[in-house]
Amino acid sequence: MPDIKAIQSEMRDSKIDGWLFYDHHHRDPIAANILGVGRNGMATRRWFYFIPAKGEPRKLVHRIEQGALDGLDGKKLVYSGWEELHKNLPKLLAGSKTIAMQYSPENNIPYIGLVDAGTIELLRKFKKKIVSSANLVQKFEASWSHEQAQGHFEAGRIVDRITREAFARAAEFVKEGKPLTEDQLQQWIVDEFHARGLTSAEPPIVAVQPNNGNPHYAPVAGSSRPIRAGDLLLLDIWAKREIAGSVYYDITWVGYLGNRVPDSYAKIFRIVREARDNAVKFIQEAVAKRREIHGWEVDRVARKTIEKAGYGKYFVHRTGHSIGQEVHGNGANMDGLETRDDRKIVPHTCFSIEPGIYLPEFGIRSEVNVYVDEKEARVTGAVQEEILPLLV
């Protein structure tokens, strides 16, 4: 059940008259998470759930799916035909003008822009002002509970261990002259997840050069590259506990299949590391001083570091993403490139810091997770300081 009183208090502080949740065919996972309605029941007809800034919530459901929102408090309105839907929507929203929805102006934050344009047009026809629920979502969906935070730390310890073991496995195969491909190491990591109580919606990235020059390279069985001596090996690994409500841990490390890391690799790693550390320091100082900062500002700090070194055009993605029950969560992203994410960084949220430089010959990324509470921001796992020489 959502915390109605807390939501209402936040809306009053934000001068919002109500928050309208709407779904059809499970298009809005944010609504499912916040309201706790799940995603397994039928949703073949449109439903609406309205939380006003003051007063009792109200719901509007179709007659043949009247039980869709029975687990939620509030007076129920029903409809069958579209004319009845249009007649009841103004009743549902009575007394309100400014309404928050999962909407993003100009789709600047596509993770929030889940309501279709036609529904927005219909509500505007009823003289309603629709505003983004982005900041409400960050507080009531992207913020972690104590149990979720502890689960993240636990998953992180296991993922860090698996990462070290994956590098060791690659080194062992190379030393012994045994064949090992990117996808084979990827599958070994997935098997380790299952053996240790972790899960992931997608498999990790395992990439040697030049494939690690592609930020979202995906090994394919039968056509991925062999891992050999002299290779730069990038592992991007994310997982969470196999427990309902768990949140992800997501890191990227790089190792070199040799006993001395080439200067060309070490130089790029140092630039990426400096960008990572500058971004983390910026966040930590702001939180310690209780200074308000936004996602795009963090991105700017990391991006300026790489631009100053002359590699700005090779940093082709945002600095970091929100982390939640999905590896790409619904809180503020550290993004001033793909979007200008002006959401505030708020307590009890977590996000990645993962600058990278992607050259035609090879790519390097270094990724850590940062968790913020009321007093401090901290990196939640091990931090890579140099490329790991794996054949020592």
Foldseek 3Di string as FASTA:
>chain_A
DAPLLVLLVVCVVVVFFKEKEKDAQPLDVLCCQRLVLDNPDHRNDMKMWIRGSDDWIEIEEEPVPQCSNVVDDHHYHYDHDPVVVLVCVCVNQPPGAEYEYLCDVVCLPVSSHRDDPVVVVSVVVVNHHYDYCLQVSCVRPQFDDPVQVVQALVVQVQVVVLVVVLLLVLLVCQVVVHWDFQVNSQVVSQVSQVVVQKDAPDTKGKDWPPQQLDVPRDDDPPPTGIRYAQTKIKIWGKITGPDPFHWMFIWIAIAHRAQDDDPVVFVQVVLQLVLLVQLQVVQFVCLQVVHKDALQVSQVSSLVSCVVVPQNVQFQAGQKAWIGNHRRDSHGTNDPDSHRTGHIDAARTKMKGWTKGRDSTHIDITIFMWHGHNRGIDTSHDGDDGHHHSND
